[in-house]
PDB file of N, CA and C in Angstrom:
ATOM      1  N   MET A   1       5.596  11.076  -7.874  1.00  0.00           N
ATOM      2  CA  MET A   1       4.611  10.348  -8.660  1.00  0.00           C
ATOM      3  C   MET A   1       4.963   8.861  -8.671  1.00  0.00           C
ATOM      4  N   SER A   2       3.999   8.062  -8.321  1.00  0.00           N
ATOM      5  CA  SER A   2       4.204   6.612  -8.256  1.00  0.00           C
ATOM      6  C   SER A   2       4.145   5.987  -9.646  1.00  0.00           C
ATOM      7  N   ILE A   3       4.747   4.807  -9.763  1.00  0.00           N
ATOM      8  CA  ILE A   3       4.626   4.011 -10.982  1.00  0.00           C
ATOM      9  C   ILE A   3       3.397   3.124 -10.808  1.00  0.00           C
ATOM     10  N   ILE A   4       2.475   3.189 -11.763  1.00  0.00           N
ATOM     11  CA  ILE A   4       1.235   2.423 -11.676  1.00  0.00           C
ATOM     12  C   ILE A   4       1.158   1.460 -12.850  1.00  0.00           C
ATOM     13  N   ASN A   5       1.006   0.171 -12.537  1.00  0.00           N
ATOM     14  CA  ASN A   5       0.854  -0.854 -13.571  1.00  0.00           C
ATOM     15  C   ASN A   5      -0.487  -1.540 -13.394  1.00  0.00           C
ATOM     16  N   LYS A   6      -1.213  -1.696 -14.497  1.00  0.00           N
ATOM     17  CA  LYS A   6      -2.495  -2.385 -14.450  1.00  0.00           C
ATOM     18  C   LYS A   6      -2.375  -3.682 -15.235  1.00  0.00           C
ATOM     19  N   ASN A   7      -2.846  -4.762 -14.625  1.00  0.00           N
ATOM     20  CA  ASN A   7      -2.813  -6.063 -15.269  1.00  0.00           C
ATOM     21  C   ASN A   7      -4.162  -6.723 -15.014  1.00  0.00           C
ATOM     22  N   GLY A   8      -5.053  -6.602 -15.952  1.00  0.00           N
ATOM     23  CA  GLY A   8      -6.403  -7.124 -15.754  1.00  0.00           C
ATOM     24  C   GLY A   8      -7.085  -6.354 -14.643  1.00  0.00           C
ATOM     25  N   ASN A   9      -7.552  -7.074 -13.619  1.00  0.00           N
ATOM     26  CA  ASN A   9      -8.248  -6.437 -12.511  1.00  0.00           C
ATOM     27  C   ASN A   9      -7.328  -6.241 -11.306  1.00  0.00           C
ATOM     28  N   GLN A  10      -6.007  -6.277 -11.564  1.00  0.00           N
ATOM     29  CA  GLN A  10      -5.022  -6.029 -10.511  1.00  0.00           C
ATOM     30  C   GLN A  10      -4.251  -4.761 -10.844  1.00  0.00           C
ATOM     31  N   VAL A  11      -4.095  -3.908  -9.848  1.00  0.00           N
ATOM     32  CA  VAL A  11      -3.335  -2.673 -10.011  1.00  0.00           C
ATOM     33  C   VAL A  11      -2.163  -2.709  -9.038  1.00  0.00           C
ATOM     34  N   THR A  12      -0.965  -2.404  -9.545  1.00  0.00           N
ATOM     35  CA  THR A  12       0.223  -2.323  -8.691  1.00  0.00           C
ATOM     36  C   THR A  12       0.710  -0.881  -8.668  1.00  0.00           C
ATOM     37  N   ILE A  13       0.908  -0.368  -7.466  1.00  0.00           N
ATOM     38  CA  ILE A  13       1.420   0.993  -7.294  1.00  0.00           C
ATOM     39  C   ILE A  13       2.752   0.902  -6.561  1.00  0.00           C
ATOM     40  N   LYS A  14       3.762   1.536  -7.141  1.00  0.00           N
ATOM     41  CA  LYS A  14       5.101   1.530  -6.553  1.00  0.00           C
ATOM     42  C   LYS A  14       5.513   2.978  -6.280  1.00  0.00           C
ATOM     43  N   PRO A  15       5.443   3.406  -4.992  1.00  0.00           N
ATOM     44  CA  PRO A  15       5.788   4.801  -4.704  1.00  0.00           C
ATOM     45  C   PRO A  15       7.257   5.119  -4.961  1.00  0.00           C
ATOM     46  N   GLY A  16       8.164   4.148  -4.734  1.00  0.00           N
ATOM     47  CA  GLY A  16       9.581   4.348  -5.031  1.00  0.00           C
ATOM     48  C   GLY A  16      10.299   5.297  -4.092  1.00  0.00           C
ATOM     49  N   LYS A  17       9.579   5.823  -3.101  1.00  0.00           N
ATOM     50  CA  LYS A  17      10.212   6.681  -2.093  1.00  0.00           C
ATOM     51  C   LYS A  17       9.505   6.438  -0.769  1.00  0.00           C
ATOM     52  N   ASP A  18      10.102   6.951   0.299  1.00  0.00           N
ATOM     53  CA  ASP A  18       9.550   6.717   1.628  1.00  0.00           C
ATOM     54  C   ASP A  18       8.103   7.201   1.714  1.00  0.00           C
ATOM     55  N   VAL A  19       7.283   6.411   2.376  1.00  0.00           N
ATOM     56  CA  VAL A  19       5.859   6.728   2.532  1.00  0.00           C
ATOM     57  C   VAL A  19       5.721   7.473   3.858  1.00  0.00           C
ATOM     58  N   VAL A  20       5.887   8.785   3.765  1.00  0.00           N
ATOM     59  CA  VAL A  20       5.906   9.652   4.951  1.00  0.00           C
ATOM     60  C   VAL A  20       4.967  10.839   4.734  1.00  0.00           C
ATOM     61  N   ALA A  21       4.785  11.612   5.782  1.00  0.00           N
ATOM     62  CA  ALA A  21       3.821  12.715   5.773  1.00  0.00           C
ATOM     63  C   ALA A  21       4.001  13.662   4.582  1.00  0.00           C
ATOM     64  N   SER A  22       5.247  13.951   4.208  1.00  0.00           N
ATOM     65  CA  SER A  22       5.498  14.929   3.150  1.00  0.00           C
ATOM     66  C   SER A  22       4.962  14.508   1.784  1.00  0.00           C
ATOM     67  N   MET A  23       4.766  13.201   1.582  1.00  0.00           N
ATOM     68  CA  MET A  23       4.239  12.741   0.294  1.00  0.00           C
ATOM     69  C   MET A  23       2.872  12.065   0.423  1.00  0.00           C
ATOM     70  N   ALA A  24       2.338  12.048   1.628  1.00  0.00           N
ATOM     71  CA  ALA A  24       1.122  11.276   1.908  1.00  0.00           C
ATOM     72  C   ALA A  24      -0.090  11.742   1.104  1.00  0.00           C
ATOM     73  N   ASN A  25      -0.289  13.039   0.972  1.00  0.00           N
ATOM     74  CA  ASN A  25      -1.473  13.526   0.253  1.00  0.00           C
ATOM     75  C   ASN A  25      -1.454  13.108  -1.206  1.00  0.00           C
ATOM     76  N   GLU A  26      -0.293  13.224  -1.840  1.00  0.00           N
ATOM     77  CA  GLU A  26      -0.162  12.825  -3.239  1.00  0.00           C
ATOM     78  C   GLU A  26      -0.380  11.316  -3.392  1.00  0.00           C
ATOM     79  N   PHE A  27       0.221  10.532  -2.493  1.00  0.00           N
ATOM     80  CA  PHE A  27       0.096   9.072  -2.542  1.00  0.00           C
ATOM     81  C   PHE A  27      -1.359   8.661  -2.295  1.00  0.00           C
ATOM     82  N   ARG A  28      -2.005   9.311  -1.317  1.00  0.00           N
ATOM     83  CA  ARG A  28      -3.410   9.017  -1.012  1.00  0.00           C
ATOM     84  C   ARG A  28      -4.283   9.286  -2.244  1.00  0.00           C
ATOM     85  N   ALA A  29      -4.029  10.382  -2.925  1.00  0.00           N
ATOM     86  CA  ALA A  29      -4.814  10.727  -4.124  1.00  0.00           C
ATOM     87  C   ALA A  29      -4.613   9.680  -5.219  1.00  0.00           C
ATOM     88  N   GLU A  30      -3.382   9.220  -5.406  1.00  0.00           N
ATOM     89  CA  GLU A  30      -3.108   8.184  -6.410  1.00  0.00           C
ATOM     90  C   GLU A  30      -3.834   6.892  -6.065  1.00  0.00           C
ATOM     91  N   LEU A  31      -3.774   6.503  -4.806  1.00  0.00           N
ATOM     92  CA  LEU A  31      -4.450   5.276  -4.369  1.00  0.00           C
ATOM     93  C   LEU A  31      -5.959   5.395  -4.541  1.00  0.00           C
ATOM     94  N   ASN A  32      -6.511   6.534  -4.118  1.00  0.00           N
ATOM     95  CA  ASN A  32      -7.960   6.722  -4.211  1.00  0.00           C
ATOM     96  C   ASN A  32      -8.454   6.706  -5.649  1.00  0.00           C
ATOM     97  N   SER A  33      -7.669   7.263  -6.570  1.00  0.00           N
ATOM     98  CA  SER A  33      -8.091   7.256  -7.978  1.00  0.00           C
ATOM     99  C   SER A  33      -8.137   5.825  -8.510  1.00  0.00           C
ATOM    100  N   GLN A  34      -7.242   4.957  -8.017  1.00  0.00           N
ATOM    101  CA  GLN A  34      -7.259   3.558  -8.446  1.00  0.00           C
ATOM    102  C   GLN A  34      -8.412   2.797  -7.794  1.00  0.00           C
ATOM    103  N   ILE A  35      -8.710   3.106  -6.536  1.00  0.00           N
ATOM    104  CA  ILE A  35      -9.806   2.448  -5.824  1.00  0.00           C
ATOM    105  C   ILE A  35     -11.138   2.744  -6.515  1.00  0.00           C
ATOM    106  N   GLN A  36     -11.277   3.928  -7.080  1.00  0.00           N
ATOM    107  CA  GLN A  36     -12.520   4.302  -7.769  1.00  0.00           C
ATOM    108  C   GLN A  36     -12.825   3.357  -8.927  1.00  0.00           C
ATOM    109  N   GLU A  37     -11.780   2.753  -9.491  1.00  0.00           N
ATOM    110  CA  GLU A  37     -11.960   1.822 -10.608  1.00  0.00           C
ATOM    111  C   GLU A  37     -12.287   0.408 -10.127  1.00  0.00           C
ATOM    112  N   SER A  38     -12.417   0.226  -8.809  1.00  0.00           N
ATOM    113  CA  SER A  38     -12.789  -1.047  -8.177  1.00  0.00           C
ATOM    114  C   SER A  38     -11.959  -2.251  -8.641  1.00  0.00           C
ATOM    115  N   PRO A  39     -10.624  -2.192  -8.461  1.00  0.00           N
ATOM    116  CA  PRO A  39      -9.822  -3.373  -8.801  1.00  0.00           C
ATOM    117  C   PRO A  39     -10.114  -4.493  -7.803  1.00  0.00           C
ATOM    118  N   SER A  40      -9.967  -5.751  -8.235  1.00  0.00           N
ATOM    119  CA  SER A  40     -10.174  -6.858  -7.298  1.00  0.00           C
ATOM    120  C   SER A  40      -8.990  -6.947  -6.335  1.00  0.00           C
ATOM    121  N   GLU A  41      -7.811  -6.500  -6.809  1.00  0.00           N
ATOM    122  CA  GLU A  41      -6.631  -6.501  -5.945  1.00  0.00           C
ATOM    123  C   GLU A  41      -5.783  -5.273  -6.233  1.00  0.00           C
ATOM    124  N   LEU A  42      -5.402  -4.579  -5.169  1.00  0.00           N
ATOM    125  CA  LEU A  42      -4.499  -3.439  -5.274  1.00  0.00           C
ATOM    126  C   LEU A  42      -3.221  -3.826  -4.554  1.00  0.00           C
ATOM    127  N   VAL A  43      -2.095  -3.751  -5.260  1.00  0.00           N
ATOM    128  CA  VAL A  43      -0.805  -4.133  -4.698  1.00  0.00           C
ATOM    129  C   VAL A  43       0.036  -2.870  -4.522  1.00  0.00           C
ATOM    130  N   ILE A  44       0.529  -2.672  -3.297  1.00  0.00           N
ATOM    131  CA  ILE A  44       1.464  -1.580  -3.045  1.00  0.00           C
ATOM    132  C   ILE A  44       2.846  -2.216  -2.953  1.00  0.00           C
ATOM    133  N   ASP A  45       3.714  -1.878  -3.899  1.00  0.00           N
ATOM    134  CA  ASP A  45       5.067  -2.426  -3.974  1.00  0.00           C
ATOM    135  C   ASP A  45       6.020  -1.447  -3.291  1.00  0.00           C
ATOM    136  N   LEU A  46       6.542  -1.845  -2.137  1.00  0.00           N
ATOM    137  CA  LEU A  46       7.414  -0.954  -1.370  1.00  0.00           C
ATOM    138  C   LEU A  46       8.901  -1.161  -1.668  1.00  0.00           C
ATOM    139  N   SER A  47       9.240  -1.624  -2.866  1.00  0.00           N
ATOM    140  CA  SER A  47      10.656  -1.726  -3.275  1.00  0.00           C
ATOM    141  C   SER A  47      11.286  -0.340  -3.172  1.00  0.00           C
ATOM    142  N   GLY A  48      12.450  -0.254  -2.556  1.00  0.00           N
ATOM    143  CA  GLY A  48      13.162   1.013  -2.454  1.00  0.00           C
ATOM    144  C   GLY A  48      12.654   1.920  -1.348  1.00  0.00           C
ATOM    145  N   VAL A  49      11.653   1.483  -0.614  1.00  0.00           N
ATOM    146  CA  VAL A  49      11.117   2.292   0.485  1.00  0.00           C
ATOM    147  C   VAL A  49      11.827   1.878   1.770  1.00  0.00           C
ATOM    148  N   GLU A  50      12.449   2.859   2.440  1.00  0.00           N
ATOM    149  CA  GLU A  50      13.199   2.570   3.659  1.00  0.00           C
ATOM    150  C   GLU A  50      12.444   2.973   4.916  1.00  0.00           C
ATOM    151  N   MET A  51      11.402   3.807   4.746  1.00  0.00           N
ATOM    152  CA  MET A  51      10.692   4.293   5.918  1.00  0.00           C
ATOM    153  C   MET A  51       9.212   4.504   5.621  1.00  0.00           C
ATOM    154  N   VAL A  52       8.373   4.089   6.571  1.00  0.00           N
ATOM    155  CA  VAL A  52       6.948   4.380   6.522  1.00  0.00           C
ATOM    156  C   VAL A  52       6.609   4.954   7.892  1.00  0.00           C
ATOM    157  N   ASP A  53       6.159   6.229   7.929  1.00  0.00           N
ATOM    158  CA  ASP A  53       5.833   6.827   9.221  1.00  0.00           C
ATOM    159  C   ASP A  53       4.353   6.615   9.550  1.00  0.00           C
ATOM    160  N   SER A  54       3.909   7.190  10.656  1.00  0.00           N
ATOM    161  CA  SER A  54       2.534   6.970  11.110  1.00  0.00           C
ATOM    162  C   SER A  54       1.510   7.473  10.093  1.00  0.00           C
ATOM    163  N   VAL A  55       1.827   8.557   9.411  1.00  0.00           N
ATOM    164  CA  VAL A  55       0.910   9.080   8.391  1.00  0.00           C
ATOM    165  C   VAL A  55       0.839   8.108   7.223  1.00  0.00           C
ATOM    166  N   GLY A  56       1.982   7.566   6.820  1.00  0.00           N
ATOM    167  CA  GLY A  56       2.026   6.577   5.742  1.00  0.00           C
ATOM    168  C   GLY A  56       1.242   5.328   6.081  1.00  0.00           C
ATOM    169  N   ILE A  57       1.371   4.869   7.325  1.00  0.00           N
ATOM    170  CA  ILE A  57       0.605   3.708   7.769  1.00  0.00           C
ATOM    171  C   ILE A  57      -0.885   4.021   7.718  1.00  0.00           C
ATOM    172  N   GLY A  58      -1.244   5.231   8.122  1.00  0.00           N
ATOM    173  CA  GLY A  58      -2.645   5.657   8.066  1.00  0.00           C
ATOM    174  C   GLY A  58      -3.192   5.612   6.652  1.00  0.00           C
ATOM    175  N   VAL A  59      -2.394   6.039   5.685  1.00  0.00           N
ATOM    176  CA  VAL A  59      -2.815   6.008   4.275  1.00  0.00           C
ATOM    177  C   VAL A  59      -3.037   4.558   3.834  1.00  0.00           C
ATOM    178  N   ILE A  60      -2.138   3.666   4.217  1.00  0.00           N
ATOM    179  CA  ILE A  60      -2.255   2.255   3.827  1.00  0.00           C
ATOM    180  C   ILE A  60      -3.485   1.612   4.471  1.00  0.00           C
ATOM    181  N   ILE A  61      -3.724   1.913   5.747  1.00  0.00           N
ATOM    182  CA  ILE A  61      -4.906   1.364   6.431  1.00  0.00           C
ATOM    183  C   ILE A  61      -6.193   1.906   5.806  1.00  0.00           C
ATOM    184  N   ALA A  62      -6.226   3.195   5.508  1.00  0.00           N
ATOM    185  CA  ALA A  62      -7.414   3.792   4.873  1.00  0.00           C
ATOM    186  C   ALA A  62      -7.659   3.170   3.504  1.00  0.00           C
ATOM    187  N   THR A  63      -6.580   2.870   2.776  1.00  0.00           N
ATOM    188  CA  THR A  63      -6.700   2.216   1.472  1.00  0.00           C
ATOM    189  C   THR A  63      -7.317   0.831   1.643  1.00  0.00           C
ATOM    190  N   HIS A  64      -6.838   0.093   2.631  1.00  0.00           N
ATOM    191  CA  HIS A  64      -7.407  -1.237   2.914  1.00  0.00           C
ATOM    192  C   HIS A  64      -8.902  -1.119   3.210  1.00  0.00           C
ATOM    193  N   ASN A  65      -9.271  -0.175   4.059  1.00  0.00           N
ATOM    194  CA  ASN A  65     -10.679  -0.028   4.444  1.00  0.00           C
ATOM    195  C   ASN A  65     -11.552   0.323   3.238  1.00  0.00           C
ATOM    196  N   SER A  66     -11.076   1.222   2.382  1.00  0.00           N
ATOM    197  CA  SER A  66     -11.838   1.613   1.192  1.00  0.00           C
ATOM    198  C   SER A  66     -12.001   0.448   0.225  1.00  0.00           C
ATOM    199  N   LEU A  67     -10.918  -0.299   0.022  1.00  0.00           N
ATOM    200  CA  LEU A  67     -10.972  -1.469  -0.866  1.00  0.00           C
ATOM    201  C   LEU A  67     -11.919  -2.523  -0.304  1.00  0.00           C
ATOM    202  N   ASP A  68     -11.840  -2.736   1.008  1.00  0.00           N
ATOM    203  CA  ASP A  68     -12.662  -3.743   1.666  1.00  0.00           C
ATOM    204  C   ASP A  68     -14.153  -3.446   1.456  1.00  0.00           C
ATOM    205  N   GLN A  69     -14.514  -2.181   1.529  1.00  0.00           N
ATOM    206  CA  GLN A  69     -15.911  -1.782   1.319  1.00  0.00           C
ATOM    207  C   GLN A  69     -16.376  -2.081  -0.105  1.00  0.00           C
ATOM    208  N   LYS A  70     -15.437  -2.094  -1.047  1.00  0.00           N
ATOM    209  CA  LYS A  70     -15.774  -2.355  -2.449  1.00  0.00           C
ATOM    210  C   LYS A  70     -15.535  -3.812  -2.832  1.00  0.00           C
ATOM    211  N   GLY A  71     -15.170  -4.645  -1.855  1.00  0.00           N
ATOM    212  CA  GLY A  71     -14.945  -6.059  -2.126  1.00  0.00           C
ATOM    213  C   GLY A  71     -13.576  -6.368  -2.695  1.00  0.00           C
ATOM    214  N   GLY A  72     -12.666  -5.406  -2.652  1.00  0.00           N
ATOM    215  CA  GLY A  72     -11.313  -5.613  -3.164  1.00  0.00           C
ATOM    216  C   GLY A  72     -10.354  -6.003  -2.055  1.00  0.00           C
ATOM    217  N   LYS A  73      -9.170  -6.437  -2.446  1.00  0.00           N
ATOM    218  CA  LYS A  73      -8.147  -6.862  -1.493  1.00  0.00           C
ATOM    219  C   LYS A  73      -6.896  -6.008  -1.650  1.00  0.00           C
ATOM    220  N   LEU A  74      -6.213  -5.764  -0.523  1.00  0.00           N
ATOM    221  CA  LEU A  74      -4.948  -5.042  -0.521  1.00  0.00           C
ATOM    222  C   LEU A  74      -3.821  -6.018  -0.252  1.00  0.00           C
ATOM    223  N   LYS A  75      -2.717  -5.808  -0.958  1.00  0.00           N
ATOM    224  CA  LYS A  75      -1.519  -6.616  -0.763  1.00  0.00           C
ATOM    225  C   LYS A  75      -0.347  -5.642  -0.742  1.00  0.00           C
ATOM    226  N   VAL A  76       0.505  -5.741   0.274  1.00  0.00           N
ATOM    227  CA  VAL A  76       1.689  -4.886   0.361  1.00  0.00           C
ATOM    228  C   VAL A  76       2.895  -5.809   0.245  1.00  0.00           C
ATOM    229  N   ILE A  77       3.737  -5.562  -0.768  1.00  0.00           N
ATOM    230  CA  ILE A  77       4.849  -6.473  -1.068  1.00  0.00           C
ATOM    231  C   ILE A  77       6.204  -5.765  -1.040  1.00  0.00           C
ATOM    232  N   ASN A  78       7.252  -6.565  -1.036  1.00  0.00           N
ATOM    233  CA  ASN A  78       8.639  -6.083  -1.071  1.00  0.00           C
ATOM    234  C   ASN A  78       8.943  -5.108   0.065  1.00  0.00           C
ATOM    235  N   ILE A  79       8.526  -5.502   1.270  1.00  0.00           N
ATOM    236  CA  ILE A  79       8.699  -4.656   2.447  1.00  0.00           C
ATOM    237  C   ILE A  79      10.067  -4.926   3.070  1.00  0.00           C
ATOM    238  N   ALA A  80      10.779  -3.864   3.402  1.00  0.00           N
ATOM    239  CA  ALA A  80      12.061  -3.987   4.099  1.00  0.00           C
ATOM    240  C   ALA A  80      11.820  -4.639   5.470  1.00  0.00           C
ATOM    241  N   ASP A  81      12.836  -5.339   5.990  1.00  0.00           N
ATOM    242  CA  ASP A  81      12.694  -6.090   7.238  1.00  0.00           C
ATOM    243  C   ASP A  81      12.160  -5.262   8.402  1.00  0.00           C
ATOM    244  N   ASP A  82      12.709  -4.052   8.603  1.00  0.00           N
ATOM    245  CA  ASP A  82      12.281  -3.263   9.758  1.00  0.00           C
ATOM    246  C   ASP A  82      10.838  -2.776   9.605  1.00  0.00           C
ATOM    247  N   ILE A  83      10.428  -2.452   8.376  1.00  0.00           N
ATOM    248  CA  ILE A  83       9.041  -2.043   8.135  1.00  0.00           C
ATOM    249  C   ILE A  83       8.118  -3.250   8.308  1.00  0.00           C
ATOM    250  N   TYR A  84       8.571  -4.418   7.862  1.00  0.00           N
ATOM    251  CA  TYR A  84       7.789  -5.641   8.042  1.00  0.00           C
ATOM    252  C   TYR A  84       7.559  -5.905   9.538  1.00  0.00           C
ATOM    253  N   GLY A  85       8.602  -5.700  10.324  1.00  0.00           N
ATOM    254  CA  GLY A  85       8.493  -5.877  11.776  1.00  0.00           C
ATOM    255  C   GLY A  85       7.446  -4.949  12.365  1.00  0.00           C
ATOM    256  N   LEU A  86       7.434  -3.719  11.908  1.00  0.00           N
ATOM    257  CA  LEU A  86       6.448  -2.736  12.375  1.00  0.00           C
ATOM    258  C   LEU A  86       5.034  -3.175  11.993  1.00  0.00           C
ATOM    259  N   PHE A  87       4.852  -3.589  10.741  1.00  0.00           N
ATOM    260  CA  PHE A  87       3.531  -4.031  10.279  1.00  0.00           C
ATOM    261  C   PHE A  87       3.053  -5.243  11.081  1.00  0.00           C
ATOM    262  N   SER A  88       3.983  -6.160  11.390  1.00  0.00           N
ATOM    263  CA  SER A  88       3.627  -7.353  12.164  1.00  0.00           C
ATOM    264  C   SER A  88       3.255  -6.985  13.593  1.00  0.00           C
ATOM    265  N   THR A  89       4.041  -6.091  14.200  1.00  0.00           N
ATOM    266  CA  THR A  89       3.767  -5.646  15.565  1.00  0.00           C
ATOM    267  C   THR A  89       2.383  -5.001  15.652  1.00  0.00           C
ATOM    268  N   MET A  90       2.032  -4.256  14.630  1.00  0.00           N
ATOM    269  CA  MET A  90       0.717  -3.598  14.594  1.00  0.00           C
ATOM    270  C   MET A  90      -0.389  -4.555  14.148  1.00  0.00           C
ATOM    271  N   ARG A  91       0.013  -5.794  13.825  1.00  0.00           N
ATOM    272  CA  ARG A  91      -0.900  -6.846  13.377  1.00  0.00           C
ATOM    273  C   ARG A  91      -1.655  -6.482  12.089  1.00  0.00           C
ATOM    274  N   LEU A  92      -1.028  -5.676  11.258  1.00  0.00           N
ATOM    275  CA  LEU A  92      -1.647  -5.314   9.981  1.00  0.00           C
ATOM    276  C   LEU A  92      -1.722  -6.528   9.060  1.00  0.00           C
ATOM    277  N   ASP A  93      -0.792  -7.482   9.269  1.00  0.00           N
ATOM    278  CA  ASP A  93      -0.778  -8.683   8.433  1.00  0.00           C
ATOM    279  C   ASP A  93      -2.008  -9.566   8.669  1.00  0.00           C
ATOM    280  N   ARG A  94      -2.797  -9.257   9.676  1.00  0.00           N
ATOM    281  CA  ARG A  94      -4.051  -9.993   9.904  1.00  0.00           C
ATOM    282  C   ARG A  94      -5.201  -9.417   9.078  1.00  0.00           C
ATOM    283  N   HIS A  95      -4.985  -8.220   8.535  1.00  0.00           N
ATOM    284  CA  HIS A  95      -6.033  -7.537   7.785  1.00  0.00           C
ATOM    285  C   HIS A  95      -5.810  -7.595   6.276  1.00  0.00           C
ATOM    286  N   PHE A  96      -4.537  -7.590   5.878  1.00  0.00           N
ATOM    287  CA  PHE A  96      -4.199  -7.689   4.447  1.00  0.00           C
ATOM    288  C   PHE A  96      -2.865  -8.387   4.304  1.00  0.00           C
ATOM    289  N   THR A  97      -2.575  -8.847   3.089  1.00  0.00           N
ATOM    290  CA  THR A  97      -1.348  -9.586   2.826  1.00  0.00           C
ATOM    291  C   THR A  97      -0.134  -8.674   2.917  1.00  0.00           C
ATOM    292  N   VAL A  98       0.868  -9.122   3.664  1.00  0.00           N
ATOM    293  CA  VAL A  98       2.109  -8.379   3.843  1.00  0.00           C
ATOM    294  C   VAL A  98       3.253  -9.324   3.523  1.00  0.00           C
ATOM    295  N   GLU A  99       4.104  -8.955   2.533  1.00  0.00           N
ATOM    296  CA  GLU A  99       5.194  -9.832   2.122  1.00  0.00           C
ATOM    297  C   GLU A  99       6.530  -9.102   2.143  1.00  0.00           C
ATOM    298  N   LYS A 100       7.521  -9.758   2.749  1.00  0.00           N
ATOM    299  CA  LYS A 100       8.870  -9.204   2.786  1.00  0.00           C
ATOM    300  C   LYS A 100       9.481  -9.160   1.389  1.00  0.00           C
ATOM    301  N   ALA A 101      10.497  -8.334   1.259  1.00  0.00           N
ATOM    302  CA  ALA A 101      11.258  -8.293   0.012  1.00  0.00           C
ATOM    303  C   ALA A 101      11.944  -9.633  -0.190  1.00  0.00           C
ATOM    304  N   GLY A 102      11.944 -10.108  -1.448  1.00  0.00           N
ATOM    305  CA  GLY A 102      12.525 -11.405  -1.758  1.00  0.00           C
ATOM    306  C   GLY A 102      13.994 -11.360  -1.649  1.00  0.00           C
TER     307      GLY A 102
END
């Protein structure tokens, strides 16, 4: 279960564990329930996440697409260096904000 913080029209979701196939359905459901509320910005905080597999990336891309249709923005923050490299290689940073861990 992710930690979800709401601040005005911004929602931050922190999965706190690797975003991989074994947890993807639960994470997708959490994200979708927040998207239904049409936040202007949804932030996925990847603090403590060491791995994002192809299924996890698919969930993040689907979240971006759903938010985009509703006029919302996706931001992925506190990304570990190797995951950031993967996101950059896939050019995901051209579609939504991607920020390395501070």
